[in-house]
N, C-alpha and C. Protein backbone atom coordinates (compact mmCIF):
# COMPACT_ATOMS: atom_id res chain seq x y z
N MET A 1 -7.54 23.58 16.31
CA MET A 1 -6.70 23.80 15.16
C MET A 1 -5.42 22.98 15.32
N PRO A 2 -5.08 22.20 14.29
CA PRO A 2 -3.89 21.37 14.42
C PRO A 2 -2.62 22.22 14.44
N SER A 3 -1.64 21.74 15.18
CA SER A 3 -0.38 22.46 15.28
C SER A 3 0.47 22.21 14.04
N ALA A 4 1.53 23.01 13.93
CA ALA A 4 2.45 22.84 12.79
C ALA A 4 3.11 21.48 12.84
N GLU A 5 3.39 21.00 14.06
CA GLU A 5 4.01 19.68 14.21
C GLU A 5 3.09 18.56 13.73
N SER A 6 1.81 18.65 14.05
CA SER A 6 0.88 17.60 13.60
C SER A 6 0.68 17.67 12.09
N TYR A 7 0.74 18.88 11.52
CA TYR A 7 0.63 19.01 10.06
C TYR A 7 1.84 18.38 9.37
N ILE A 8 3.02 18.62 9.90
CA ILE A 8 4.23 18.02 9.34
C ILE A 8 4.18 16.50 9.45
N ARG A 9 3.70 16.01 10.58
CA ARG A 9 3.56 14.57 10.78
C ARG A 9 2.54 13.98 9.80
N MET A 10 1.42 14.68 9.58
CA MET A 10 0.42 14.19 8.64
C MET A 10 1.00 14.12 7.23
N ARG A 11 1.75 15.14 6.83
CA ARG A 11 2.37 15.14 5.50
C ARG A 11 3.35 13.98 5.36
N ALA A 12 4.10 13.70 6.40
CA ALA A 12 5.06 12.59 6.35
C ALA A 12 4.34 11.26 6.20
N PHE A 13 3.29 11.07 6.98
CA PHE A 13 2.52 9.82 6.86
C PHE A 13 1.83 9.73 5.50
N ALA A 14 1.36 10.86 4.98
CA ALA A 14 0.71 10.85 3.67
C ALA A 14 1.69 10.47 2.57
N ARG A 15 2.95 10.90 2.71
CA ARG A 15 3.96 10.50 1.72
C ARG A 15 4.18 9.00 1.74
N VAL A 16 4.30 8.44 2.93
CA VAL A 16 4.51 6.98 3.05
C VAL A 16 3.27 6.24 2.55
N ASP A 17 2.10 6.69 2.97
CA ASP A 17 0.87 6.04 2.51
C ASP A 17 0.68 6.23 1.00
N GLY A 18 1.09 7.38 0.49
CA GLY A 18 1.03 7.62 -0.95
C GLY A 18 1.95 6.67 -1.71
N ALA A 19 3.10 6.35 -1.12
CA ALA A 19 4.00 5.39 -1.75
C ALA A 19 3.36 4.00 -1.79
N LYS A 20 2.66 3.63 -0.72
CA LYS A 20 1.96 2.34 -0.70
C LYS A 20 0.87 2.31 -1.76
N LEU A 21 0.07 3.37 -1.82
CA LEU A 21 -0.99 3.44 -2.82
C LEU A 21 -0.40 3.52 -4.21
N GLY A 22 0.69 4.27 -4.37
CA GLY A 22 1.36 4.36 -5.66
C GLY A 22 1.85 3.00 -6.13
N LEU A 23 2.35 2.18 -5.23
CA LEU A 23 2.77 0.82 -5.59
C LEU A 23 1.58 0.01 -6.09
N MET A 24 0.44 0.14 -5.40
CA MET A 24 -0.76 -0.56 -5.86
C MET A 24 -1.18 -0.07 -7.24
N TRP A 25 -1.09 1.24 -7.47
CA TRP A 25 -1.46 1.79 -8.77
C TRP A 25 -0.48 1.38 -9.86
N MET A 26 0.79 1.21 -9.51
CA MET A 26 1.77 0.73 -10.50
C MET A 26 1.41 -0.69 -10.93
N ILE A 27 1.02 -1.51 -9.96
CA ILE A 27 0.59 -2.87 -10.28
C ILE A 27 -0.66 -2.82 -11.15
N SER A 28 -1.58 -1.92 -10.81
CA SER A 28 -2.79 -1.75 -11.60
C SER A 28 -2.46 -1.33 -13.03
N PHE A 29 -1.51 -0.42 -13.19
CA PHE A 29 -1.10 0.02 -14.52
C PHE A 29 -0.46 -1.13 -15.29
N ALA A 30 0.30 -1.97 -14.60
CA ALA A 30 0.89 -3.15 -15.25
C ALA A 30 -0.23 -4.09 -15.73
N PHE A 31 -1.28 -4.24 -14.93
CA PHE A 31 -2.42 -5.06 -15.36
C PHE A 31 -3.10 -4.44 -16.59
N PHE A 32 -3.22 -3.11 -16.59
CA PHE A 32 -3.81 -2.42 -17.73
C PHE A 32 -3.01 -2.69 -19.01
N ILE A 33 -1.70 -2.60 -18.93
CA ILE A 33 -0.86 -2.87 -20.09
C ILE A 33 -0.94 -4.35 -20.46
N GLY A 34 -0.97 -5.20 -19.46
CA GLY A 34 -1.08 -6.64 -19.71
C GLY A 34 -2.38 -7.01 -20.40
N TYR A 35 -3.41 -6.20 -20.18
CA TYR A 35 -4.71 -6.44 -20.80
C TYR A 35 -4.62 -6.44 -22.33
N PHE A 36 -3.70 -5.66 -22.88
CA PHE A 36 -3.55 -5.62 -24.33
C PHE A 36 -2.92 -6.90 -24.87
N HIS A 37 -2.32 -7.68 -23.99
CA HIS A 37 -1.71 -8.96 -24.39
C HIS A 37 -2.58 -10.15 -24.00
N GLN A 38 -3.16 -10.09 -22.81
CA GLN A 38 -4.04 -11.14 -22.29
C GLN A 38 -5.26 -10.50 -21.65
N PRO A 39 -6.45 -10.75 -22.16
CA PRO A 39 -7.64 -10.09 -21.62
C PRO A 39 -7.93 -10.37 -20.14
N ILE A 40 -7.41 -11.47 -19.59
CA ILE A 40 -7.66 -11.78 -18.18
C ILE A 40 -7.11 -10.70 -17.26
N PHE A 41 -6.05 -10.00 -17.70
CA PHE A 41 -5.47 -8.94 -16.88
C PHE A 41 -6.44 -7.78 -16.70
N GLY A 42 -7.39 -7.62 -17.60
CA GLY A 42 -8.39 -6.57 -17.46
C GLY A 42 -9.21 -6.73 -16.20
N MET A 43 -9.48 -7.97 -15.82
CA MET A 43 -10.24 -8.23 -14.60
C MET A 43 -9.43 -7.78 -13.37
N PHE A 44 -8.14 -8.07 -13.36
CA PHE A 44 -7.30 -7.66 -12.24
C PHE A 44 -7.14 -6.13 -12.21
N TRP A 45 -7.06 -5.51 -13.39
CA TRP A 45 -6.98 -4.07 -13.47
C TRP A 45 -8.22 -3.42 -12.84
N LEU A 46 -9.39 -3.92 -13.21
CA LEU A 46 -10.63 -3.38 -12.65
C LEU A 46 -10.72 -3.63 -11.14
N ALA A 47 -10.24 -4.78 -10.70
CA ALA A 47 -10.27 -5.08 -9.26
C ALA A 47 -9.42 -4.09 -8.48
N THR A 48 -8.25 -3.76 -9.00
CA THR A 48 -7.40 -2.80 -8.28
C THR A 48 -8.01 -1.40 -8.28
N ILE A 49 -8.72 -1.07 -9.35
CA ILE A 49 -9.40 0.23 -9.38
C ILE A 49 -10.51 0.27 -8.33
N ILE A 50 -11.26 -0.81 -8.24
CA ILE A 50 -12.35 -0.88 -7.27
C ILE A 50 -11.81 -0.87 -5.84
N LEU A 51 -10.64 -1.45 -5.62
CA LEU A 51 -10.05 -1.51 -4.28
C LEU A 51 -9.44 -0.18 -3.82
N THR A 52 -9.22 0.74 -4.73
CA THR A 52 -8.54 2.00 -4.39
C THR A 52 -9.23 2.77 -3.27
N PRO A 53 -10.54 3.04 -3.32
CA PRO A 53 -11.14 3.80 -2.21
C PRO A 53 -11.04 3.06 -0.87
N PHE A 54 -11.12 1.75 -0.91
CA PHE A 54 -10.99 0.98 0.33
C PHE A 54 -9.57 1.09 0.88
N MET A 55 -8.59 1.05 -0.01
CA MET A 55 -7.20 1.18 0.40
C MET A 55 -6.95 2.55 1.01
N VAL A 56 -7.45 3.60 0.38
CA VAL A 56 -7.26 4.95 0.92
C VAL A 56 -7.97 5.07 2.27
N GLY A 57 -9.15 4.53 2.39
CA GLY A 57 -9.87 4.55 3.66
C GLY A 57 -9.12 3.82 4.76
N ILE A 58 -8.55 2.68 4.43
CA ILE A 58 -7.78 1.91 5.41
C ILE A 58 -6.51 2.66 5.81
N LEU A 59 -5.82 3.23 4.83
CA LEU A 59 -4.60 3.98 5.13
C LEU A 59 -4.90 5.18 6.03
N THR A 60 -5.97 5.90 5.74
CA THR A 60 -6.34 7.06 6.55
C THR A 60 -6.80 6.63 7.94
N SER A 61 -7.53 5.54 8.00
CA SER A 61 -7.98 5.02 9.29
C SER A 61 -6.78 4.56 10.14
N ASN A 62 -5.83 3.89 9.51
CA ASN A 62 -4.62 3.48 10.23
C ASN A 62 -3.83 4.68 10.72
N TYR A 63 -3.75 5.71 9.89
CA TYR A 63 -3.09 6.95 10.32
C TYR A 63 -3.79 7.52 11.54
N ALA A 64 -5.11 7.55 11.53
CA ALA A 64 -5.87 8.09 12.65
C ALA A 64 -5.60 7.28 13.92
N GLN A 65 -5.52 5.95 13.80
CA GLN A 65 -5.27 5.10 14.96
C GLN A 65 -3.86 5.27 15.50
N LYS A 66 -2.86 5.33 14.59
CA LYS A 66 -1.47 5.39 15.02
C LYS A 66 -1.06 6.77 15.55
N VAL A 67 -1.50 7.81 14.87
CA VAL A 67 -1.01 9.15 15.18
C VAL A 67 -1.99 9.95 16.02
N CYS A 68 -3.26 9.80 15.75
CA CYS A 68 -4.27 10.65 16.40
C CYS A 68 -5.03 9.93 17.50
N ASP A 69 -4.55 8.78 17.91
CA ASP A 69 -5.22 7.97 18.95
C ASP A 69 -6.67 7.70 18.62
N GLY A 70 -6.97 7.54 17.36
CA GLY A 70 -8.32 7.20 16.93
C GLY A 70 -9.27 8.38 16.86
N GLN A 71 -8.80 9.56 17.20
CA GLN A 71 -9.65 10.76 17.21
C GLN A 71 -9.20 11.69 16.09
N ILE A 72 -9.92 11.66 14.99
CA ILE A 72 -9.54 12.50 13.84
C ILE A 72 -10.79 13.16 13.29
N SER A 73 -10.68 14.43 12.98
CA SER A 73 -11.83 15.15 12.43
C SER A 73 -11.98 14.83 10.95
N TYR A 74 -13.12 15.20 10.41
CA TYR A 74 -13.37 14.96 8.99
C TYR A 74 -12.37 15.74 8.13
N LYS A 75 -12.13 17.01 8.46
CA LYS A 75 -11.19 17.83 7.68
C LYS A 75 -9.78 17.26 7.72
N HIS A 76 -9.37 16.79 8.88
CA HIS A 76 -8.04 16.19 9.03
C HIS A 76 -7.94 14.91 8.20
N ALA A 77 -8.96 14.07 8.27
CA ALA A 77 -8.97 12.82 7.49
C ALA A 77 -9.03 13.13 6.00
N PHE A 78 -9.80 14.15 5.63
CA PHE A 78 -9.88 14.54 4.22
C PHE A 78 -8.51 15.01 3.71
N ALA A 79 -7.83 15.83 4.52
CA ALA A 79 -6.52 16.33 4.13
C ALA A 79 -5.53 15.18 3.96
N HIS A 80 -5.55 14.23 4.87
CA HIS A 80 -4.65 13.07 4.76
C HIS A 80 -4.98 12.27 3.50
N SER A 81 -6.25 12.02 3.25
CA SER A 81 -6.65 11.25 2.07
C SER A 81 -6.22 11.95 0.78
N VAL A 82 -6.44 13.24 0.70
CA VAL A 82 -6.08 14.00 -0.50
C VAL A 82 -4.57 13.99 -0.70
N LEU A 83 -3.81 14.19 0.36
CA LEU A 83 -2.36 14.19 0.24
C LEU A 83 -1.84 12.81 -0.15
N THR A 84 -2.46 11.77 0.39
CA THR A 84 -2.06 10.40 0.03
C THR A 84 -2.27 10.16 -1.46
N VAL A 85 -3.43 10.53 -1.97
CA VAL A 85 -3.72 10.35 -3.39
C VAL A 85 -2.81 11.24 -4.24
N PHE A 86 -2.52 12.43 -3.76
CA PHE A 86 -1.63 13.34 -4.49
C PHE A 86 -0.25 12.70 -4.68
N HIS A 87 0.31 12.16 -3.61
CA HIS A 87 1.63 11.53 -3.70
C HIS A 87 1.60 10.28 -4.57
N ALA A 88 0.56 9.49 -4.45
CA ALA A 88 0.43 8.30 -5.29
C ALA A 88 0.30 8.69 -6.76
N SER A 89 -0.43 9.75 -7.03
CA SER A 89 -0.60 10.22 -8.41
C SER A 89 0.72 10.68 -9.01
N LEU A 90 1.54 11.35 -8.21
CA LEU A 90 2.85 11.77 -8.70
C LEU A 90 3.73 10.57 -9.05
N ILE A 91 3.73 9.57 -8.18
CA ILE A 91 4.52 8.36 -8.43
C ILE A 91 4.04 7.68 -9.70
N LEU A 92 2.73 7.52 -9.81
CA LEU A 92 2.18 6.85 -10.99
C LEU A 92 2.46 7.64 -12.26
N ALA A 93 2.39 8.96 -12.20
CA ALA A 93 2.65 9.78 -13.39
C ALA A 93 4.09 9.59 -13.87
N ILE A 94 5.02 9.49 -12.95
CA ILE A 94 6.42 9.26 -13.34
C ILE A 94 6.56 7.90 -14.01
N VAL A 95 5.92 6.89 -13.44
CA VAL A 95 5.98 5.54 -14.03
C VAL A 95 5.31 5.53 -15.41
N GLN A 96 4.16 6.18 -15.53
CA GLN A 96 3.47 6.21 -16.81
C GLN A 96 4.28 6.96 -17.86
N TRP A 97 4.88 8.08 -17.47
CA TRP A 97 5.73 8.80 -18.42
C TRP A 97 6.87 7.91 -18.90
N ALA A 98 7.55 7.24 -17.98
CA ALA A 98 8.67 6.37 -18.35
C ALA A 98 8.19 5.24 -19.26
N TYR A 99 7.03 4.67 -18.96
CA TYR A 99 6.51 3.60 -19.80
C TYR A 99 6.23 4.11 -21.22
N PHE A 100 5.48 5.20 -21.32
CA PHE A 100 5.13 5.71 -22.65
C PHE A 100 6.34 6.27 -23.40
N GLN A 101 7.33 6.76 -22.68
CA GLN A 101 8.52 7.31 -23.32
C GLN A 101 9.45 6.21 -23.85
N TYR A 102 9.65 5.14 -23.06
CA TYR A 102 10.69 4.18 -23.38
C TYR A 102 10.21 2.77 -23.73
N LEU A 103 9.04 2.36 -23.27
CA LEU A 103 8.63 0.96 -23.44
C LEU A 103 7.44 0.73 -24.36
N ASP A 104 6.55 1.67 -24.45
CA ASP A 104 5.27 1.45 -25.14
C ASP A 104 5.42 1.28 -26.65
N HIS A 105 6.17 2.11 -27.29
CA HIS A 105 6.37 2.07 -28.75
C HIS A 105 5.04 2.07 -29.50
N GLY A 106 4.04 2.79 -28.97
CA GLY A 106 2.77 2.94 -29.66
C GLY A 106 1.74 1.84 -29.41
N LEU A 107 1.99 0.91 -28.50
CA LEU A 107 1.07 -0.21 -28.26
C LEU A 107 -0.32 0.28 -27.85
N VAL A 108 -0.40 1.13 -26.84
CA VAL A 108 -1.70 1.57 -26.33
C VAL A 108 -2.42 2.42 -27.36
N ILE A 109 -1.74 3.39 -27.94
CA ILE A 109 -2.37 4.27 -28.93
C ILE A 109 -2.82 3.45 -30.14
N ASN A 110 -1.99 2.54 -30.61
CA ASN A 110 -2.35 1.72 -31.77
C ASN A 110 -3.53 0.80 -31.46
N SER A 111 -3.60 0.29 -30.24
CA SER A 111 -4.74 -0.55 -29.86
C SER A 111 -6.03 0.25 -29.87
N TYR A 112 -5.99 1.46 -29.30
CA TYR A 112 -7.17 2.31 -29.33
C TYR A 112 -7.51 2.75 -30.75
N THR A 113 -6.51 3.02 -31.55
CA THR A 113 -6.72 3.41 -32.95
C THR A 113 -7.43 2.28 -33.70
N GLN A 114 -6.97 1.07 -33.48
CA GLN A 114 -7.59 -0.09 -34.13
C GLN A 114 -9.04 -0.25 -33.70
N MET A 115 -9.30 -0.07 -32.39
CA MET A 115 -10.67 -0.20 -31.89
C MET A 115 -11.56 0.89 -32.46
N LEU A 116 -11.06 2.13 -32.49
CA LEU A 116 -11.87 3.25 -32.97
C LEU A 116 -12.05 3.24 -34.48
N SER A 117 -11.20 2.52 -35.20
CA SER A 117 -11.30 2.44 -36.66
C SER A 117 -12.15 1.27 -37.11
N ASP A 118 -12.60 0.46 -36.17
CA ASP A 118 -13.40 -0.71 -36.50
C ASP A 118 -14.75 -0.25 -37.09
N PRO A 119 -15.16 -0.82 -38.23
CA PRO A 119 -16.42 -0.39 -38.86
C PRO A 119 -17.64 -0.55 -37.95
N ASP A 120 -17.66 -1.59 -37.12
CA ASP A 120 -18.79 -1.77 -36.21
C ASP A 120 -18.84 -0.65 -35.16
N PHE A 121 -17.68 -0.27 -34.68
CA PHE A 121 -17.61 0.82 -33.71
C PHE A 121 -18.09 2.13 -34.34
N ILE A 122 -17.67 2.38 -35.56
CA ILE A 122 -18.07 3.60 -36.26
C ILE A 122 -19.59 3.62 -36.48
N LYS A 123 -20.16 2.46 -36.84
CA LYS A 123 -21.62 2.37 -37.01
C LYS A 123 -22.33 2.65 -35.70
N THR A 124 -21.79 2.13 -34.61
CA THR A 124 -22.39 2.36 -33.29
C THR A 124 -22.35 3.84 -32.94
N MET A 125 -21.23 4.48 -33.21
CA MET A 125 -21.10 5.92 -32.93
C MET A 125 -22.11 6.73 -33.76
N GLU A 126 -22.25 6.35 -35.02
CA GLU A 126 -23.21 7.06 -35.89
C GLU A 126 -24.63 6.85 -35.40
N SER A 127 -24.95 5.65 -34.93
CA SER A 127 -26.31 5.38 -34.45
C SER A 127 -26.60 6.16 -33.17
N MET A 128 -25.56 6.55 -32.46
CA MET A 128 -25.73 7.35 -31.24
C MET A 128 -25.79 8.84 -31.55
N GLY A 129 -25.67 9.20 -32.83
CA GLY A 129 -25.81 10.58 -33.23
C GLY A 129 -24.51 11.36 -33.37
N TYR A 130 -23.37 10.68 -33.25
CA TYR A 130 -22.09 11.37 -33.42
C TYR A 130 -21.79 11.50 -34.91
N PRO A 131 -21.13 12.58 -35.31
CA PRO A 131 -20.75 12.74 -36.72
C PRO A 131 -19.80 11.61 -37.14
N LYS A 132 -19.77 11.35 -38.43
CA LYS A 132 -19.00 10.22 -38.97
C LYS A 132 -17.50 10.36 -38.69
N ASP A 133 -16.99 11.57 -38.68
CA ASP A 133 -15.55 11.75 -38.53
C ASP A 133 -15.10 11.93 -37.08
N THR A 134 -15.97 11.73 -36.10
CA THR A 134 -15.61 11.90 -34.69
C THR A 134 -14.51 10.94 -34.29
N ALA A 135 -14.65 9.66 -34.64
CA ALA A 135 -13.65 8.67 -34.26
C ALA A 135 -12.30 8.97 -34.91
N SER A 136 -12.32 9.37 -36.18
CA SER A 136 -11.04 9.66 -36.86
C SER A 136 -10.38 10.90 -36.26
N GLN A 137 -11.15 11.89 -35.86
CA GLN A 137 -10.57 13.07 -35.21
C GLN A 137 -9.96 12.69 -33.86
N PHE A 138 -10.66 11.83 -33.14
CA PHE A 138 -10.15 11.39 -31.85
C PHE A 138 -8.83 10.62 -32.02
N VAL A 139 -8.78 9.76 -33.03
CA VAL A 139 -7.55 9.00 -33.32
C VAL A 139 -6.41 9.95 -33.67
N GLU A 140 -6.68 10.95 -34.50
CA GLU A 140 -5.65 11.93 -34.87
C GLU A 140 -5.13 12.66 -33.64
N ASN A 141 -6.04 13.04 -32.76
CA ASN A 141 -5.63 13.75 -31.55
C ASN A 141 -4.81 12.85 -30.63
N MET A 142 -5.18 11.59 -30.52
CA MET A 142 -4.43 10.65 -29.69
C MET A 142 -3.02 10.45 -30.22
N GLN A 143 -2.87 10.37 -31.52
CA GLN A 143 -1.56 10.13 -32.11
C GLN A 143 -0.63 11.33 -31.96
N LYS A 144 -1.17 12.51 -31.73
CA LYS A 144 -0.36 13.71 -31.55
C LYS A 144 0.18 13.83 -30.13
N LEU A 145 -0.36 13.05 -29.19
CA LEU A 145 0.05 13.18 -27.79
C LEU A 145 1.46 12.67 -27.58
N ARG A 146 2.23 13.44 -26.82
CA ARG A 146 3.56 13.01 -26.42
C ARG A 146 3.43 12.26 -25.09
N PRO A 147 4.43 11.47 -24.72
CA PRO A 147 4.37 10.74 -23.44
C PRO A 147 4.14 11.66 -22.23
N ILE A 148 4.74 12.82 -22.23
CA ILE A 148 4.55 13.74 -21.11
C ILE A 148 3.11 14.25 -21.08
N ASP A 149 2.50 14.46 -22.25
CA ASP A 149 1.10 14.89 -22.30
C ASP A 149 0.18 13.84 -21.70
N ILE A 150 0.42 12.59 -22.07
CA ILE A 150 -0.39 11.49 -21.54
C ILE A 150 -0.24 11.40 -20.03
N ALA A 151 1.00 11.45 -19.56
CA ALA A 151 1.26 11.34 -18.12
C ALA A 151 0.61 12.50 -17.35
N LEU A 152 0.68 13.70 -17.88
CA LEU A 152 0.09 14.86 -17.20
C LEU A 152 -1.44 14.79 -17.19
N GLN A 153 -2.03 14.32 -18.28
CA GLN A 153 -3.49 14.16 -18.29
C GLN A 153 -3.94 13.11 -17.29
N LEU A 154 -3.20 12.01 -17.22
CA LEU A 154 -3.54 10.97 -16.25
C LEU A 154 -3.29 11.44 -14.82
N LEU A 155 -2.24 12.22 -14.61
CA LEU A 155 -1.97 12.80 -13.28
C LEU A 155 -3.14 13.67 -12.84
N TRP A 156 -3.58 14.54 -13.73
CA TRP A 156 -4.69 15.44 -13.42
C TRP A 156 -5.97 14.66 -13.10
N SER A 157 -6.28 13.67 -13.92
CA SER A 157 -7.52 12.91 -13.69
C SER A 157 -7.43 12.09 -12.40
N ASN A 158 -6.26 11.53 -12.09
CA ASN A 158 -6.10 10.79 -10.84
C ASN A 158 -6.26 11.70 -9.63
N MET A 159 -5.70 12.90 -9.70
CA MET A 159 -5.82 13.82 -8.57
C MET A 159 -7.25 14.30 -8.38
N MET A 160 -7.95 14.58 -9.46
CA MET A 160 -9.35 15.02 -9.33
C MET A 160 -10.24 13.89 -8.81
N ALA A 161 -10.02 12.69 -9.32
CA ALA A 161 -10.78 11.54 -8.82
C ALA A 161 -10.46 11.30 -7.35
N GLY A 162 -9.21 11.54 -6.97
CA GLY A 162 -8.80 11.36 -5.58
C GLY A 162 -9.48 12.35 -4.64
N VAL A 163 -9.65 13.57 -5.08
CA VAL A 163 -10.34 14.56 -4.25
C VAL A 163 -11.79 14.14 -4.03
N VAL A 164 -12.44 13.71 -5.08
CA VAL A 164 -13.83 13.25 -4.96
C VAL A 164 -13.91 12.01 -4.07
N MET A 165 -13.00 11.08 -4.27
CA MET A 165 -12.99 9.85 -3.48
C MET A 165 -12.72 10.17 -2.01
N SER A 166 -11.88 11.16 -1.75
CA SER A 166 -11.53 11.51 -0.37
C SER A 166 -12.72 12.03 0.42
N LEU A 167 -13.72 12.54 -0.26
CA LEU A 167 -14.92 12.99 0.44
C LEU A 167 -15.56 11.85 1.22
N THR A 168 -15.55 10.66 0.64
CA THR A 168 -16.16 9.51 1.32
C THR A 168 -15.17 8.77 2.20
N THR A 169 -13.90 8.67 1.79
CA THR A 169 -12.94 7.94 2.62
C THR A 169 -12.69 8.69 3.93
N ALA A 170 -12.73 10.01 3.89
CA ALA A 170 -12.57 10.79 5.12
C ALA A 170 -13.75 10.58 6.05
N LEU A 171 -14.91 10.42 5.50
CA LEU A 171 -16.10 10.15 6.30
C LEU A 171 -15.95 8.82 7.03
N TYR A 172 -15.42 7.82 6.33
CA TYR A 172 -15.18 6.51 6.93
C TYR A 172 -14.14 6.58 8.05
N ALA A 173 -13.07 7.33 7.82
CA ALA A 173 -11.95 7.34 8.76
C ALA A 173 -12.16 8.30 9.93
N SER A 174 -12.99 9.30 9.78
CA SER A 174 -13.14 10.29 10.85
C SER A 174 -13.85 9.68 12.05
N SER A 175 -13.57 10.26 13.21
CA SER A 175 -14.10 9.74 14.46
C SER A 175 -15.56 10.10 14.63
N LYS A 176 -16.28 9.22 15.26
CA LYS A 176 -17.70 9.48 15.53
C LYS A 176 -17.86 10.63 16.51
N LYS A 177 -16.83 10.87 17.32
CA LYS A 177 -16.86 11.97 18.29
C LYS A 177 -17.12 13.29 17.59
N TYR A 178 -16.63 13.45 16.40
CA TYR A 178 -16.77 14.71 15.68
C TYR A 178 -18.12 14.84 14.97
N TRP A 179 -18.93 13.82 15.01
CA TRP A 179 -20.22 13.87 14.33
C TRP A 179 -21.38 14.12 15.26
N ARG A 180 -21.09 14.24 16.55
CA ARG A 180 -22.16 14.55 17.51
C ARG A 180 -22.60 16.00 17.36
N PRO A 181 -23.88 16.27 17.56
CA PRO A 181 -24.33 17.66 17.48
C PRO A 181 -23.70 18.50 18.58
N ARG A 182 -23.37 19.73 18.26
CA ARG A 182 -22.77 20.65 19.25
C ARG A 182 -23.87 21.45 19.92
N ASN A 183 -23.70 21.68 21.21
CA ASN A 183 -24.68 22.46 22.00
C ASN A 183 -24.26 23.88 22.11
């Protein structure tokens, strides 16, 4: 069982690692916003999303090497990964709230509204069996969202995705010593 001191140390490292991951996510968010101006940024946005589990795995593995002398259990690695993603999600939520509150002026919502109002998109939705007014209801609901609502929804989805992702990143970072059968 880890001591209180090692738990405090893990939380401290998770905050620092969360700041590193949060910086990567801020860059990813900037690419996402840039995508509405130049489609090439969409490729960079997707690349940063794909790199996220690898980044979390590397951060957790580095933590295990620096603090735990390379010997870390799956539960310990999972806890570090989850805390890292939690801190990164908080940082990103603050940045997203500030963006939607002060800088966006409806760019993202209007872009999605335009896409969802496209007659070809509506025909595609109808061919998939959705009612005709599904897209318009979705647009109405999107336009009612406040910046804090958007940021909180994204915070929640980032944290849930992080928990799922941590299941595999902890497996990567945990020591092989802990995977041997016990007698």
